[in-house]
Each structure stands twice: as structure tokens, then as C-alpha cells.
Amino acid sequence: MAGLSGPRSLENAKDWMLSKLDARVHPVGLTDVDATRAVIAGLTGLDGASCSGAWSTQGDLYAAAAERAEAENDVEYIEAVRRLSLLDQGLLD
């Protein structure tokens, strides 16, 4: 993607996020593809409230899933989340 000269438009930002998602690199390299596409599609602005609202809604779903897995002692889910965390931190290949 060519460099920008000025503020990013919403559509340009969405294209950038989708290109990162397609390449599976930071900041969306470890996210669920379908869920991330839905969040990006639903973004209504680039201001803090719009972005945090969109992403935190999906984050709340992930948090609830983690809490359920912990309550049910779902070892496979917990291990998968741990592995993704270590990958994200560059501690695993």
C-alpha cells in the first residue's frame, strides 16, 4: 500500500486492516478471521470511541469464552489461548 499524505480515511483504514488480516500479521495476525472481518466491516469511524466500541465488543465475547473454558476446565481451549499468547509475544515460532 502506498504511503499516505494526510489523515487516513475510514475506507483506507479498513483496507489496511484487511490487508494485515489477509497476511495474518500484527495487529490482527492471531485473531479469528471471520470475527475480525465483521468488526472491520462494522467500523463507523476512526475516532477512539468508534474503534474501542467495535473492538471491545468482540473482546468481551473472547473474554466470556475464556471464562467458560476456565469454569469447565477445558484444557484444550486454555492451552490454545496460552499458545496464541506466547506466539503474540514472540516466545514461540
C-alpha atoms as a PDB file:
ATOM      1  CA  MET A   1       0.000   0.000   0.000  1.00  0.00           C
ATOM      2  CA  ALA A   2       1.384   3.400  -0.939  1.00  0.00           C
ATOM      3  CA  GLY A   3       2.342   5.882   1.761  1.00  0.00           C
ATOM      4  CA  LEU A   4      -0.249   8.348   2.983  1.00  0.00           C
ATOM      5  CA  SER A   5      -0.005  12.098   2.783  1.00  0.00           C
ATOM      6  CA  GLY A   6      -2.510  13.241   5.344  1.00  0.00           C
ATOM      7  CA  PRO A   7      -5.142  11.630   7.517  1.00  0.00           C
ATOM      8  CA  ARG A   8      -6.324   8.126   6.742  1.00  0.00           C
ATOM      9  CA  SER A   9      -9.910   7.747   5.522  1.00  0.00           C
ATOM     10  CA  LEU A  10     -12.190   5.141   7.062  1.00  0.00           C
ATOM     11  CA  GLU A  11     -12.186   3.077   3.865  1.00  0.00           C
ATOM     12  CA  ASN A  12      -8.399   3.333   3.591  1.00  0.00           C
ATOM     13  CA  ALA A  13      -8.035   2.211   7.209  1.00  0.00           C
ATOM     14  CA  LYS A  14     -10.388  -0.718   6.619  1.00  0.00           C
ATOM     15  CA  ASP A  15      -8.387  -1.730   3.529  1.00  0.00           C
ATOM     16  CA  TRP A  16      -5.169  -1.550   5.575  1.00  0.00           C
ATOM     17  CA  MET A  17      -6.663  -3.701   8.355  1.00  0.00           C
ATOM     18  CA  LEU A  18      -7.965  -6.241   5.847  1.00  0.00           C
ATOM     19  CA  SER A  19      -4.544  -6.436   4.174  1.00  0.00           C
ATOM     20  CA  LYS A  20      -2.966  -7.152   7.575  1.00  0.00           C
ATOM     21  CA  LEU A  21      -5.642  -9.762   8.263  1.00  0.00           C
ATOM     22  CA  ASP A  22      -5.105 -11.439   4.884  1.00  0.00           C
ATOM     23  CA  ALA A  23      -1.351 -11.542   5.548  1.00  0.00           C
ATOM     24  CA  ARG A  24      -2.010 -12.777   9.124  1.00  0.00           C
ATOM     25  CA  VAL A  25       0.368 -10.219  10.636  1.00  0.00           C
ATOM     26  CA  HIS A  26       0.249  -7.768  13.558  1.00  0.00           C
ATOM     27  CA  PRO A  27      -2.067  -6.330  14.747  1.00  0.00           C
ATOM     28  CA  VAL A  28      -4.589  -8.966  13.638  1.00  0.00           C
ATOM     29  CA  GLY A  29      -2.352 -11.954  12.941  1.00  0.00           C
ATOM     30  CA  LEU A  30      -3.767 -14.147  15.678  1.00  0.00           C
ATOM     31  CA  THR A  31      -7.414 -13.127  15.606  1.00  0.00           C
ATOM     32  CA  ASP A  32     -10.362 -15.133  14.335  1.00  0.00           C
ATOM     33  CA  VAL A  33     -10.610 -14.191  10.651  1.00  0.00           C
ATOM     34  CA  ASP A  34     -14.405 -14.113  10.348  1.00  0.00           C
ATOM     35  CA  ALA A  35     -14.906 -12.217  13.601  1.00  0.00           C
ATOM     36  CA  THR A  36     -12.205  -9.712  12.675  1.00  0.00           C
ATOM     37  CA  ARG A  37     -13.682  -9.152   9.213  1.00  0.00           C
ATOM     38  CA  ALA A  38     -17.057  -8.468  10.849  1.00  0.00           C
ATOM     39  CA  VAL A  39     -15.549  -5.912  13.246  1.00  0.00           C
ATOM     40  CA  ILE A  40     -13.706  -4.161  10.413  1.00  0.00           C
ATOM     41  CA  ALA A  41     -16.827  -4.093   8.249  1.00  0.00           C
ATOM     42  CA  GLY A  42     -18.816  -2.606  11.123  1.00  0.00           C
ATOM     43  CA  LEU A  43     -16.400   0.218  11.930  1.00  0.00           C
ATOM     44  CA  THR A  44     -18.201   3.528  11.624  1.00  0.00           C
ATOM     45  CA  GLY A  45     -15.288   5.857  12.356  1.00  0.00           C
ATOM     46  CA  LEU A  46     -11.645   6.086  13.316  1.00  0.00           C
ATOM     47  CA  ASP A  47     -12.178   8.070  16.497  1.00  0.00           C
ATOM     48  CA  GLY A  48     -11.390   6.407  19.811  1.00  0.00           C
ATOM     49  CA  ALA A  49     -14.999   5.780  20.803  1.00  0.00           C
ATOM     50  CA  SER A  50     -15.907   4.118  17.487  1.00  0.00           C
ATOM     51  CA  CYS A  51     -12.819   1.923  17.388  1.00  0.00           C
ATOM     52  CA  SER A  52     -12.823   0.928  21.038  1.00  0.00           C
ATOM     53  CA  GLY A  53     -16.529   0.171  20.938  1.00  0.00           C
ATOM     54  CA  ALA A  54     -16.202  -2.113  17.922  1.00  0.00           C
ATOM     55  CA  TRP A  55     -13.128  -3.985  19.128  1.00  0.00           C
ATOM     56  CA  SER A  56     -14.156  -4.239  22.788  1.00  0.00           C
ATOM     57  CA  THR A  57     -17.455  -5.867  21.851  1.00  0.00           C
ATOM     58  CA  GLN A  58     -15.535  -8.713  20.180  1.00  0.00           C
ATOM     59  CA  GLY A  59     -13.053  -8.740  23.059  1.00  0.00           C
ATOM     60  CA  ASP A  60     -15.915  -9.232  25.502  1.00  0.00           C
ATOM     61  CA  LEU A  61     -17.003 -12.316  23.534  1.00  0.00           C
ATOM     62  CA  TYR A  62     -13.473 -13.736  23.737  1.00  0.00           C
ATOM     63  CA  ALA A  63     -13.320 -12.994  27.471  1.00  0.00           C
ATOM     64  CA  ALA A  64     -16.631 -14.762  28.048  1.00  0.00           C
ATOM     65  CA  ALA A  65     -15.420 -17.795  26.083  1.00  0.00           C
ATOM     66  CA  ALA A  66     -12.238 -17.897  28.165  1.00  0.00           C
ATOM     67  CA  GLU A  67     -14.214 -17.677  31.400  1.00  0.00           C
ATOM     68  CA  ARG A  68     -16.455 -20.558  30.269  1.00  0.00           C
ATOM     69  CA  ALA A  69     -13.420 -22.640  29.311  1.00  0.00           C
ATOM     70  CA  GLU A  70     -11.831 -21.995  32.678  1.00  0.00           C
ATOM     71  CA  ALA A  71     -15.040 -22.823  34.572  1.00  0.00           C
ATOM     72  CA  GLU A  72     -15.426 -26.045  32.574  1.00  0.00           C
ATOM     73  CA  ASN A  73     -11.686 -26.824  32.851  1.00  0.00           C
ATOM     74  CA  ASP A  74     -11.446 -27.006  29.045  1.00  0.00           C
ATOM     75  CA  VAL A  75      -7.741 -27.778  28.933  1.00  0.00           C
ATOM     76  CA  GLU A  76      -7.536 -27.770  25.120  1.00  0.00           C
ATOM     77  CA  TYR A  77      -9.042 -24.283  24.850  1.00  0.00           C
ATOM     78  CA  ILE A  78      -6.887 -22.933  27.669  1.00  0.00           C
ATOM     79  CA  GLU A  79      -3.745 -24.381  26.071  1.00  0.00           C
ATOM     80  CA  ALA A  80      -4.676 -22.917  22.674  1.00  0.00           C
ATOM     81  CA  VAL A  81      -5.108 -19.458  24.203  1.00  0.00           C
ATOM     82  CA  ARG A  82      -1.800 -19.800  26.081  1.00  0.00           C
ATOM     83  CA  ARG A  83      -0.036 -20.792  22.858  1.00  0.00           C
ATOM     84  CA  LEU A  84      -1.503 -17.800  20.969  1.00  0.00           C
ATOM     85  CA  SER A  85      -0.375 -15.504  23.750  1.00  0.00           C
ATOM     86  CA  LEU A  86       3.172 -16.862  23.563  1.00  0.00           C
ATOM     87  CA  LEU A  87       3.150 -16.557  19.749  1.00  0.00           C
ATOM     88  CA  ASP A  88       1.954 -12.967  20.040  1.00  0.00           C
ATOM     89  CA  GLN A  89       4.808 -12.190  22.409  1.00  0.00           C
ATOM     90  CA  GLY A  90       7.334 -13.766  20.016  1.00  0.00           C
ATOM     91  CA  LEU A  91       8.161 -16.508  22.512  1.00  0.00           C
ATOM     92  CA  LEU A  92       7.202 -19.353  20.159  1.00  0.00           C
ATOM     93  CA  ASP A  93       7.814 -19.971  16.469  1.00  0.00           C
END
